[in-house]
Amino acid sequence: MKDLSRNYINGQWVDWSGDTIDVFESGTGEVMAKVPAAGRGEMEQAIAAADKAFESWSESTVDQRLAVLKQLHAGLKERGAEIAETVCREVGMPIKLATGIQAGLPAAVTETYIKMLPDFAFSEQSGNSEVQYTPVGVVGCITPWNYPLHQVILKVVPALAAGCSIVLKPSEIAPGSAYILAEILDGTDLPKGVFNLVCGLGQEVGDTLIKHPDVRMVSFTGSPRTGHLIAHAAADDFKRIALEMGGKSASVILPDADLKAAVKGSVNNCLLNSGQTCTALTRMLVPADKHDEACQLAAEAVAKMVPGNPLEETTRLGPLASAQQRDKVLDYIKLGIEEGATLVAGGVDKPDGVNPNGYFVSATVFGNVKPDSRIAQEEIFGPVLCVIPYQDEADAVRIANGTAYGLSGAVWSGDQERAKKVAGKLRTGQVFVNGGAFNPLAPFGGFGHSGIGREFGKWGLEEFLEVRALQL
């Protein structure tokens, strides 16, 4: 068991002797680490350190910021295997995928900002005005457990590039990779106090972070319920907010699409990270006359997703991240059956051949799902696919847009221009057209209850900047 009983405040590791929080290994249910259940005092110390450090870091040069980002990138690459294993054990993503995604993506995103920063215009001329882009101030970062380092990097790297100082509260469910990040940053030329990490429960350290007057922006990724609370709290002193929240994304398969390829692509996306992905294509919309065939193809696809030990290279579907999440997903599967959906594959029974104490759920497919049913409207965050029949293209668009969310989506068609036209009707922040590849330079964020603001690329950097005009 690893002892992480410390916080990182003002450039120093501060030992913690108070209450701790157990971190469980998803595949076995065993305690693998302990982190602080820190309180308001520790968070206030971290905010004070960040506030003091902001004055000098906000005036740092682009070259100084680049130097730190390059050191960070080197550290992420060097410790990639350790990061992958840590996240694999905490979250349950199979090690082969965790190596490429949970460890590889943070390094790749950092590299995009290293390439972007030298050419970013922090000032520009507009008529007789010099328009300046200046760092927003102390940023409070609150991050989730499903992509624990990736979501941290999406906030910390552009915030540092913008000249902001940071206080991070990582998820207590999957905190290990955030500690690795802090260790890497501790070995860089980053001045003390610019980056701080405090681990604890939301009602203590999180509440302090979002309400403190010296925190000028809160960047949050997580549930709409918590995002709602943050938005209300931030309004009291007009903090900037960036909220990346849930999704209930639709994969619209048009009648002229290659049905087999579209179903396979939709299933693979839905089950990535055992469905613990906010952009997961959890609603598959198919023409009514192809519904049964699509369900059969989906059943065949999930049959290949046999749950197993996430540390084994051959595993394609791992456990969920916690007992609480497993139980939530199982309750939704029971609900789907109660709502009258057809159970095509999977179900509530524990998969065979896995550790009985691990948080495993079988890949599950429901057919004949009603668009307004709870399993079609609420984010399950597990390996559950809803197949929904539609009558025509207009009906498909109506169903796709018929939730409170709008984070991601997909359209499949034999005609690329037709697919693009339908994609342009979806009220969502990104749409994958015929399996288009994910682009880390494109803006990422949602409509509606999926969030406010954008991450990745120049849009992610601009979130951490205020605009000032000098009239000359």
Protein backbone atom coordinates (compact mmCIF):
# COMPACT_ATOMS: atom_id res chain seq x y z
CA MET A 1 0.00 0.00 0.00
CA LYS A 2 1.35 3.41 -1.00
CA ASP A 3 1.32 6.24 1.53
CA LEU A 4 0.36 9.53 -0.12
CA SER A 5 -0.46 11.24 3.16
CA ARG A 6 0.80 14.68 2.22
CA ASN A 7 -0.21 17.82 0.39
CA TYR A 8 1.93 19.98 -1.89
CA ILE A 9 1.79 23.60 -0.74
CA ASN A 10 4.08 26.52 -1.61
CA GLY A 11 6.71 24.35 -3.26
CA GLN A 12 6.96 21.87 -0.37
CA TRP A 13 5.52 18.52 0.56
CA VAL A 14 3.58 18.94 3.79
CA ASP A 15 3.12 15.74 5.79
CA TRP A 16 -0.37 14.95 6.99
CA SER A 17 -1.15 13.25 10.30
CA GLY A 18 -4.93 13.66 10.37
CA ASP A 19 -7.70 11.50 8.98
CA THR A 20 -7.04 9.80 5.65
CA ILE A 21 -9.11 8.54 2.74
CA ASP A 22 -8.65 5.01 1.41
CA VAL A 23 -7.97 4.59 -2.30
CA PHE A 24 -9.20 1.25 -3.61
CA GLU A 25 -7.87 -0.87 -6.45
CA SER A 26 -10.76 -1.29 -8.87
CA GLY A 27 -9.90 -4.80 -9.97
CA THR A 28 -9.56 -6.28 -6.48
CA GLY A 29 -11.40 -3.99 -4.07
CA GLU A 30 -8.27 -3.77 -1.92
CA VAL A 31 -6.89 -0.58 -0.39
CA MET A 32 -3.91 0.52 -2.49
CA ALA A 33 -3.15 3.96 -1.02
CA LYS A 34 -4.17 6.55 1.56
CA VAL A 35 -4.50 10.28 0.94
CA PRO A 36 -5.24 13.18 3.28
CA ALA A 37 -8.74 14.14 4.27
CA ALA A 38 -7.45 17.70 4.48
CA GLY A 39 -9.51 20.60 5.75
CA ARG A 40 -10.16 24.27 5.21
CA GLY A 41 -6.91 25.31 6.85
CA GLU A 42 -4.73 23.43 4.39
CA MET A 43 -6.72 24.73 1.44
CA GLU A 44 -6.46 28.30 2.70
CA GLN A 45 -2.68 27.90 3.00
CA ALA A 46 -2.50 26.67 -0.58
CA ILE A 47 -4.64 29.55 -1.85
CA ALA A 48 -2.49 32.07 0.01
CA ALA A 49 0.64 30.57 -1.54
CA ALA A 50 -0.89 30.69 -5.03
CA ASP A 51 -2.05 34.27 -4.53
CA LYS A 52 1.43 35.38 -3.47
CA ALA A 53 3.09 33.53 -6.35
CA PHE A 54 0.72 34.94 -8.95
CA GLU A 55 2.26 38.41 -9.00
CA SER A 56 5.64 37.24 -10.29
CA TRP A 57 4.46 34.28 -12.41
CA SER A 58 1.90 36.45 -14.20
CA GLU A 59 4.80 38.63 -15.36
CA SER A 60 6.99 35.72 -16.43
CA THR A 61 8.13 35.55 -20.03
CA VAL A 62 6.91 33.08 -22.61
CA ASP A 63 10.37 31.52 -22.57
CA GLN A 64 10.16 30.94 -18.80
CA ARG A 65 6.78 29.28 -19.13
CA LEU A 66 7.95 27.19 -22.07
CA ALA A 67 10.94 25.96 -20.11
CA VAL A 68 8.68 24.65 -17.36
CA LEU A 69 6.29 23.01 -19.82
CA LYS A 70 9.18 21.27 -21.58
CA GLN A 71 10.46 19.95 -18.24
CA LEU A 72 6.95 18.78 -17.41
CA HIS A 73 6.62 17.05 -20.78
CA ALA A 74 9.90 15.23 -20.26
CA GLY A 75 8.77 14.08 -16.82
CA LEU A 76 5.43 12.82 -18.13
CA LYS A 77 7.20 10.80 -20.81
CA GLU A 78 9.76 9.43 -18.36
CA ARG A 79 7.12 8.29 -15.87
CA GLY A 80 4.57 7.16 -18.45
CA ALA A 81 4.60 3.51 -17.45
CA GLU A 82 4.09 4.40 -13.78
CA ILE A 83 1.22 6.74 -14.67
CA ALA A 84 -0.47 4.10 -16.80
CA GLU A 85 -0.27 1.44 -14.10
CA THR A 86 -1.47 3.82 -11.40
CA VAL A 87 -4.56 4.86 -13.38
CA CYS A 88 -5.18 1.30 -14.53
CA ARG A 89 -5.31 0.11 -10.94
CA GLU A 90 -7.38 3.02 -9.65
CA VAL A 91 -9.87 3.47 -12.49
CA GLY A 92 -9.90 0.08 -14.22
CA MET A 93 -8.93 1.03 -17.77
CA PRO A 94 -7.00 -1.94 -19.22
CA ILE A 95 -3.25 -1.36 -19.12
CA LYS A 96 -2.80 -1.40 -22.90
CA LEU A 97 -5.36 1.37 -23.32
CA ALA A 98 -4.18 3.21 -20.21
CA THR A 99 -0.66 3.38 -21.63
CA GLY A 100 -1.83 5.09 -24.80
CA ILE A 101 -4.63 7.20 -23.35
CA GLN A 102 -4.27 7.81 -19.61
CA ALA A 103 -0.49 8.30 -19.85
CA GLY A 104 -0.02 9.15 -23.53
CA LEU A 105 -2.69 11.83 -23.92
CA PRO A 106 -1.45 14.10 -21.09
CA ALA A 107 2.02 14.17 -22.63
CA ALA A 108 0.56 14.79 -26.10
CA VAL A 109 -1.63 17.67 -24.85
CA THR A 110 1.33 19.24 -23.07
CA GLU A 111 3.29 19.08 -26.31
CA THR A 112 0.52 20.90 -28.20
CA TYR A 113 0.85 23.87 -25.82
CA ILE A 114 4.63 23.82 -26.10
CA LYS A 115 4.22 24.18 -29.86
CA MET A 116 1.43 26.75 -29.61
CA LEU A 117 2.75 29.09 -26.94
CA PRO A 118 5.59 30.83 -28.87
CA ASP A 119 3.15 32.06 -31.53
CA PHE A 120 0.22 32.92 -29.28
CA ALA A 121 -0.61 36.63 -29.45
CA PHE A 122 -0.84 37.94 -25.89
CA SER A 123 -1.39 41.39 -27.38
CA GLU A 124 -2.72 42.70 -30.68
CA GLN A 125 -3.63 46.00 -32.28
CA SER A 126 -7.26 46.93 -32.95
CA GLY A 127 -7.64 50.43 -34.34
CA ASN A 128 -6.13 52.82 -31.82
CA SER A 129 -6.23 50.15 -29.09
CA GLU A 130 -3.68 47.66 -27.88
CA VAL A 131 -5.67 44.62 -26.79
CA GLN A 132 -3.90 42.62 -24.10
CA TYR A 133 -4.62 39.08 -22.93
CA THR A 134 -3.70 38.83 -19.27
CA PRO A 135 -3.88 35.89 -16.82
CA VAL A 136 -7.10 35.65 -14.85
CA GLY A 137 -5.41 35.05 -11.47
CA VAL A 138 -5.48 32.17 -9.01
CA VAL A 139 -7.29 29.21 -10.57
CA GLY A 140 -9.00 26.53 -8.54
CA CYS A 141 -9.00 23.20 -10.40
CA ILE A 142 -11.39 20.43 -9.37
CA THR A 143 -10.96 17.24 -11.37
CA PRO A 144 -12.69 13.84 -11.71
CA TRP A 145 -11.57 10.24 -11.43
CA ASN A 146 -12.32 8.79 -14.87
CA TYR A 147 -9.37 10.36 -16.74
CA PRO A 148 -7.59 11.64 -13.64
CA LEU A 149 -4.33 12.97 -15.08
CA HIS A 150 -5.68 13.95 -18.48
CA GLN A 151 -8.34 16.19 -16.94
CA VAL A 152 -5.74 17.76 -14.63
CA ILE A 153 -3.38 18.46 -17.53
CA LEU A 154 -6.18 20.10 -19.54
CA LYS A 155 -6.41 22.69 -16.76
CA VAL A 156 -2.89 22.97 -15.32
CA VAL A 157 -0.93 23.24 -18.57
CA PRO A 158 -2.93 26.04 -20.26
CA ALA A 159 -3.28 27.83 -16.91
CA LEU A 160 0.50 27.79 -16.46
CA ALA A 161 0.95 28.85 -20.09
CA ALA A 162 -1.41 31.78 -19.47
CA GLY A 163 0.55 32.90 -16.40
CA CYS A 164 -1.93 31.78 -13.75
CA SER A 165 -1.19 30.16 -10.41
CA ILE A 166 -3.07 27.02 -9.44
CA VAL A 167 -4.61 25.13 -6.56
CA LEU A 168 -5.62 21.60 -7.53
CA LYS A 169 -8.11 19.38 -5.73
CA PRO A 170 -7.89 15.98 -7.44
CA SER A 171 -10.44 13.22 -7.07
CA GLU A 172 -9.92 11.24 -3.89
CA ILE A 173 -11.02 8.11 -5.81
CA ALA A 174 -8.10 8.27 -8.26
CA PRO A 175 -5.48 10.70 -6.90
CA GLY A 176 -2.26 8.83 -7.62
CA SER A 177 -1.42 10.39 -10.98
CA ALA A 178 -1.96 13.91 -9.61
CA TYR A 179 0.71 13.18 -7.01
CA ILE A 180 3.05 12.03 -9.78
CA LEU A 181 2.35 15.32 -11.57
CA ALA A 182 3.17 17.28 -8.41
CA GLU A 183 6.43 15.36 -8.04
CA ILE A 184 7.35 16.17 -11.63
CA LEU A 185 6.52 19.87 -11.23
CA ASP A 186 8.51 19.95 -7.99
CA GLY A 187 11.57 19.03 -10.04
CA THR A 188 11.07 21.80 -12.61
CA ASP A 189 11.96 25.48 -12.54
CA LEU A 190 8.40 26.43 -11.58
CA PRO A 191 8.56 29.00 -8.74
CA LYS A 192 7.17 27.88 -5.40
CA GLY A 193 3.51 28.53 -4.84
CA VAL A 194 2.53 28.57 -8.52
CA PHE A 195 1.20 25.01 -8.31
CA ASN A 196 -0.38 23.54 -5.18
CA LEU A 197 -2.18 20.25 -4.49
CA VAL A 198 -4.58 19.63 -1.62
CA CYS A 199 -6.45 16.34 -1.30
CA GLY A 200 -9.66 16.02 0.65
CA LEU A 201 -13.42 15.79 0.43
CA GLY A 202 -15.48 18.24 -1.57
CA GLN A 203 -17.54 19.56 1.31
CA GLU A 204 -14.36 20.70 3.04
CA VAL A 205 -11.53 21.58 0.66
CA GLY A 206 -13.66 21.88 -2.46
CA ASP A 207 -16.11 24.26 -0.82
CA THR A 208 -13.26 26.42 0.46
CA LEU A 209 -11.67 26.54 -2.98
CA ILE A 210 -14.76 27.64 -4.87
CA LYS A 211 -15.82 30.27 -2.32
CA HIS A 212 -12.48 31.87 -1.45
CA PRO A 213 -12.27 35.49 -2.63
CA ASP A 214 -8.65 35.15 -3.76
CA VAL A 215 -9.59 32.43 -6.24
CA ARG A 216 -10.61 34.27 -9.41
CA MET A 217 -11.56 31.27 -11.54
CA VAL A 218 -12.80 27.74 -10.96
CA SER A 219 -12.21 25.13 -13.66
CA PHE A 220 -14.25 22.02 -12.96
CA THR A 221 -14.84 18.66 -14.61
CA GLY A 222 -17.44 16.38 -13.10
CA SER A 223 -21.16 15.95 -12.55
CA PRO A 224 -23.82 18.54 -13.43
CA ARG A 225 -25.00 18.46 -9.81
CA THR A 226 -21.61 19.66 -8.52
CA GLY A 227 -21.24 22.04 -11.46
CA HIS A 228 -24.56 23.61 -10.50
CA LEU A 229 -23.30 24.22 -6.97
CA ILE A 230 -20.05 25.70 -8.26
CA ALA A 231 -21.85 28.04 -10.65
CA HIS A 232 -24.05 29.36 -7.84
CA ALA A 233 -21.12 29.80 -5.45
CA ALA A 234 -18.96 31.49 -8.08
CA ALA A 235 -21.75 33.96 -8.85
CA ASP A 236 -21.47 35.46 -5.37
CA ASP A 237 -18.20 37.21 -6.22
CA PHE A 238 -18.36 36.91 -10.04
CA LYS A 239 -15.62 34.32 -10.44
CA ARG A 240 -14.85 33.06 -13.91
CA ILE A 241 -15.95 29.46 -14.37
CA ALA A 242 -15.25 26.69 -16.84
CA LEU A 243 -17.50 23.68 -16.40
CA GLU A 244 -17.12 20.40 -18.31
CA MET A 245 -19.88 18.11 -17.18
CA GLY A 246 -21.91 15.14 -18.30
CA GLY A 247 -23.13 13.76 -21.58
CA LYS A 248 -25.68 11.43 -23.11
CA SER A 249 -24.27 11.38 -26.60
CA ALA A 250 -26.10 9.98 -29.60
CA SER A 251 -24.60 7.98 -32.44
CA VAL A 252 -26.94 8.59 -35.37
CA ILE A 253 -26.71 5.82 -37.96
CA LEU A 254 -28.40 6.98 -41.16
CA PRO A 255 -30.12 4.48 -43.50
CA ASP A 256 -27.31 4.60 -46.09
CA ALA A 257 -24.53 3.95 -43.57
CA ASP A 258 -22.40 0.81 -43.40
CA LEU A 259 -24.40 -0.62 -40.51
CA LYS A 260 -21.80 -3.13 -39.35
CA ALA A 261 -18.99 -0.56 -39.25
CA ALA A 262 -21.21 2.06 -37.60
CA VAL A 263 -22.39 -0.32 -34.87
CA LYS A 264 -18.86 -1.52 -34.21
CA GLY A 265 -17.55 2.04 -33.98
CA SER A 266 -20.40 3.08 -31.69
CA VAL A 267 -19.95 0.10 -29.36
CA ASN A 268 -16.18 0.59 -29.10
CA ASN A 269 -16.70 4.25 -28.23
CA CYS A 270 -19.45 3.49 -25.71
CA LEU A 271 -17.39 0.89 -23.86
CA LEU A 272 -14.11 2.81 -23.74
CA ASN A 273 -12.94 2.97 -20.11
CA SER A 274 -15.89 0.70 -19.23
CA GLY A 275 -18.26 3.49 -20.26
CA GLN A 276 -16.71 5.88 -17.74
CA THR A 277 -16.31 8.58 -20.38
CA CYS A 278 -18.39 11.76 -20.57
CA THR A 279 -18.35 11.69 -24.38
CA ALA A 280 -19.39 8.02 -24.62
CA LEU A 281 -21.85 7.28 -27.43
CA THR A 282 -24.38 5.66 -25.11
CA ARG A 283 -27.45 6.16 -27.35
CA MET A 284 -27.32 4.42 -30.72
CA LEU A 285 -30.06 5.71 -33.03
CA VAL A 286 -30.94 3.37 -35.90
CA PRO A 287 -33.65 3.25 -38.56
CA ALA A 288 -36.64 1.35 -37.19
CA ASP A 289 -36.44 -1.28 -39.95
CA LYS A 290 -32.80 -1.99 -39.04
CA HIS A 291 -33.26 -2.04 -35.27
CA ASP A 292 -33.15 -5.81 -34.79
CA GLU A 293 -30.12 -6.21 -37.05
CA ALA A 294 -28.32 -3.41 -35.21
CA CYS A 295 -29.06 -5.06 -31.86
CA GLN A 296 -27.66 -8.37 -33.12
CA LEU A 297 -24.50 -6.65 -34.36
CA ALA A 298 -24.14 -4.83 -31.04
CA ALA A 299 -24.53 -8.09 -29.12
CA GLU A 300 -21.81 -9.67 -31.27
CA ALA A 301 -19.53 -6.70 -30.66
CA VAL A 302 -19.93 -6.66 -26.86
CA ALA A 303 -19.44 -10.44 -26.72
CA LYS A 304 -15.80 -9.73 -27.58
CA MET A 305 -15.54 -7.31 -24.65
CA VAL A 306 -14.98 -9.89 -21.93
CA PRO A 307 -14.31 -8.28 -18.53
CA GLY A 308 -10.94 -9.16 -17.08
CA ASN A 309 -7.97 -8.14 -14.98
CA PRO A 310 -7.08 -4.61 -16.19
CA LEU A 311 -3.37 -5.26 -15.59
CA GLU A 312 -3.31 -7.96 -18.28
CA GLU A 313 -2.35 -6.83 -21.77
CA THR A 314 -5.13 -8.83 -23.44
CA THR A 315 -7.99 -7.35 -21.39
CA ARG A 316 -10.37 -5.10 -23.33
CA LEU A 317 -12.97 -4.31 -20.65
CA GLY A 318 -11.94 -3.56 -17.09
CA PRO A 319 -13.89 -2.89 -13.90
CA LEU A 320 -15.53 0.34 -12.83
CA ALA A 321 -13.61 2.71 -10.59
CA SER A 322 -15.48 2.20 -7.33
CA ALA A 323 -18.05 0.08 -5.56
CA GLN A 324 -20.39 3.08 -5.54
CA GLN A 325 -20.15 3.47 -9.32
CA ARG A 326 -20.64 -0.26 -9.89
CA ASP A 327 -23.78 -0.24 -7.75
CA LYS A 328 -25.11 2.84 -9.55
CA VAL A 329 -24.66 1.19 -12.95
CA LEU A 330 -26.29 -2.05 -11.79
CA ASP A 331 -29.27 -0.03 -10.52
CA TYR A 332 -29.63 1.56 -13.96
CA ILE A 333 -29.55 -1.86 -15.63
CA LYS A 334 -32.35 -2.99 -13.31
CA LEU A 335 -34.22 0.21 -14.13
CA GLY A 336 -33.89 -0.42 -17.86
CA ILE A 337 -35.48 -3.83 -17.44
CA GLU A 338 -38.28 -2.30 -15.32
CA GLU A 339 -38.87 0.38 -17.96
CA GLY A 340 -39.57 -2.31 -20.54
CA ALA A 341 -36.44 -2.08 -22.68
CA THR A 342 -35.26 -5.34 -24.27
CA LEU A 343 -32.14 -6.77 -22.62
CA VAL A 344 -30.08 -7.79 -25.64
CA ALA A 345 -26.77 -8.56 -23.89
CA GLY A 346 -25.23 -8.38 -20.44
CA GLY A 347 -27.25 -7.66 -17.33
CA VAL A 348 -26.79 -7.49 -13.58
CA ASP A 349 -25.04 -10.83 -13.01
CA LYS A 350 -21.36 -10.57 -12.08
CA PRO A 351 -19.15 -11.61 -15.00
CA ASP A 352 -17.42 -14.98 -14.83
CA GLY A 353 -13.67 -15.34 -14.37
CA VAL A 354 -13.00 -12.06 -12.56
CA ASN A 355 -11.98 -11.21 -9.03
CA PRO A 356 -15.23 -11.37 -7.03
CA ASN A 357 -14.17 -8.33 -5.00
CA GLY A 358 -13.50 -6.18 -8.05
CA TYR A 359 -15.99 -3.66 -9.39
CA PHE A 360 -16.93 -5.49 -12.59
CA VAL A 361 -20.09 -5.05 -14.68
CA SER A 362 -20.85 -6.90 -17.91
CA ALA A 363 -21.14 -4.90 -21.13
CA THR A 364 -24.88 -4.42 -21.52
CA VAL A 365 -27.05 -3.61 -24.53
CA PHE A 366 -30.70 -2.57 -24.37
CA GLY A 367 -32.92 -2.57 -27.46
CA ASN A 368 -36.28 -0.87 -28.11
CA VAL A 369 -35.34 1.90 -25.71
CA LYS A 370 -37.84 4.73 -25.48
CA PRO A 371 -36.20 8.14 -26.06
CA ASP A 372 -37.79 9.63 -22.94
CA SER A 373 -36.95 6.72 -20.61
CA ARG A 374 -34.54 7.35 -17.77
CA ILE A 375 -31.83 5.08 -19.20
CA ALA A 376 -31.98 7.17 -22.39
CA GLN A 377 -31.98 10.50 -20.58
CA GLU A 378 -29.64 10.09 -17.61
CA GLU A 379 -25.89 9.58 -17.68
CA ILE A 380 -25.18 6.04 -16.49
CA PHE A 381 -21.37 6.22 -16.73
CA GLY A 382 -20.93 2.53 -17.24
CA PRO A 383 -20.81 -0.07 -20.04
CA VAL A 384 -24.46 0.31 -21.05
CA LEU A 385 -25.66 0.98 -24.62
CA CYS A 386 -29.21 2.04 -25.49
CA VAL A 387 -30.43 1.21 -29.02
CA ILE A 388 -33.23 3.57 -30.04
CA PRO A 389 -35.22 3.18 -33.28
CA TYR A 390 -36.25 6.25 -35.30
CA GLN A 391 -38.64 6.84 -38.21
CA ASP A 392 -36.83 9.34 -40.43
CA GLU A 393 -33.94 11.80 -40.43
CA ALA A 394 -35.92 14.56 -38.73
CA ASP A 395 -36.99 12.13 -36.01
CA ALA A 396 -33.36 11.05 -35.49
CA VAL A 397 -32.22 14.66 -35.04
CA ARG A 398 -35.11 15.32 -32.65
CA ILE A 399 -34.21 12.30 -30.51
CA ALA A 400 -30.48 13.11 -30.60
CA ASN A 401 -31.19 16.64 -29.35
CA GLY A 402 -33.80 15.48 -26.88
CA THR A 403 -31.73 15.46 -23.69
CA ALA A 404 -30.44 18.16 -21.36
CA TYR A 405 -26.88 17.35 -22.49
CA GLY A 406 -24.86 18.31 -25.54
CA LEU A 407 -21.25 17.20 -25.23
CA SER A 408 -20.58 14.83 -28.11
CA GLY A 409 -22.20 12.81 -30.85
CA ALA A 410 -21.64 10.92 -34.07
CA VAL A 411 -23.22 10.62 -37.49
CA TRP A 412 -22.69 7.74 -39.92
CA SER A 413 -23.64 7.84 -43.59
CA GLY A 414 -22.47 6.56 -46.94
CA ASP A 415 -22.52 10.19 -48.09
CA GLN A 416 -19.99 12.36 -46.23
CA GLU A 417 -21.80 15.60 -47.11
CA ARG A 418 -25.10 14.22 -45.88
CA ALA A 419 -23.42 13.18 -42.65
CA LYS A 420 -21.95 16.67 -42.22
CA LYS A 421 -25.35 18.27 -42.85
CA VAL A 422 -26.99 16.14 -40.14
CA ALA A 423 -24.03 16.70 -37.82
CA GLY A 424 -24.59 20.43 -38.19
CA LYS A 425 -28.08 20.01 -36.74
CA LEU A 426 -26.89 18.34 -33.53
CA ARG A 427 -26.83 20.63 -30.49
CA THR A 428 -23.54 19.34 -29.18
CA GLY A 429 -19.96 20.53 -28.80
CA GLN A 430 -18.37 17.94 -31.08
CA VAL A 431 -19.57 15.40 -33.60
CA PHE A 432 -17.59 12.46 -35.00
CA VAL A 433 -18.44 12.10 -38.69
CA ASN A 434 -18.03 8.58 -40.04
CA GLY A 435 -15.53 7.70 -37.33
CA GLY A 436 -13.35 10.80 -37.68
CA ALA A 437 -10.31 10.82 -35.39
CA PHE A 438 -10.16 12.79 -32.15
CA ASN A 439 -8.19 16.03 -32.56
CA PRO A 440 -6.42 17.47 -29.47
CA LEU A 441 -6.15 20.88 -31.19
CA ALA A 442 -9.91 21.26 -31.67
CA PRO A 443 -12.16 22.86 -29.02
CA PHE A 444 -13.77 20.48 -26.53
CA GLY A 445 -16.84 21.33 -24.47
CA GLY A 446 -20.59 21.18 -24.46
CA PHE A 447 -23.97 22.76 -24.92
CA GLY A 448 -26.67 22.90 -22.25
CA HIS A 449 -26.05 20.87 -19.11
CA SER A 450 -22.78 19.59 -20.55
CA GLY A 451 -20.96 22.75 -19.63
CA ILE A 452 -19.61 26.23 -20.08
CA GLY A 453 -16.31 26.98 -21.81
CA ARG A 454 -13.89 24.98 -23.92
CA GLU A 455 -10.72 22.96 -23.43
CA PHE A 456 -7.86 21.95 -25.78
CA GLY A 457 -6.00 24.13 -28.24
CA LYS A 458 -6.07 27.91 -28.23
CA TRP A 459 -9.60 27.82 -26.85
CA GLY A 460 -8.31 26.07 -23.73
CA LEU A 461 -5.65 28.74 -23.26
CA GLU A 462 -8.10 31.61 -23.76
CA GLU A 463 -10.26 30.32 -20.89
CA PHE A 464 -7.55 31.43 -18.46
CA LEU A 465 -7.10 34.92 -19.89
CA GLU A 466 -8.83 38.24 -19.26
CA VAL A 467 -8.97 40.88 -22.01
CA ARG A 468 -7.79 44.45 -21.46
CA ALA A 469 -7.76 47.31 -23.99
CA LEU A 470 -5.26 50.17 -23.89
CA GLN A 471 -6.71 53.16 -25.76
CA LEU A 472 -3.72 54.88 -27.42
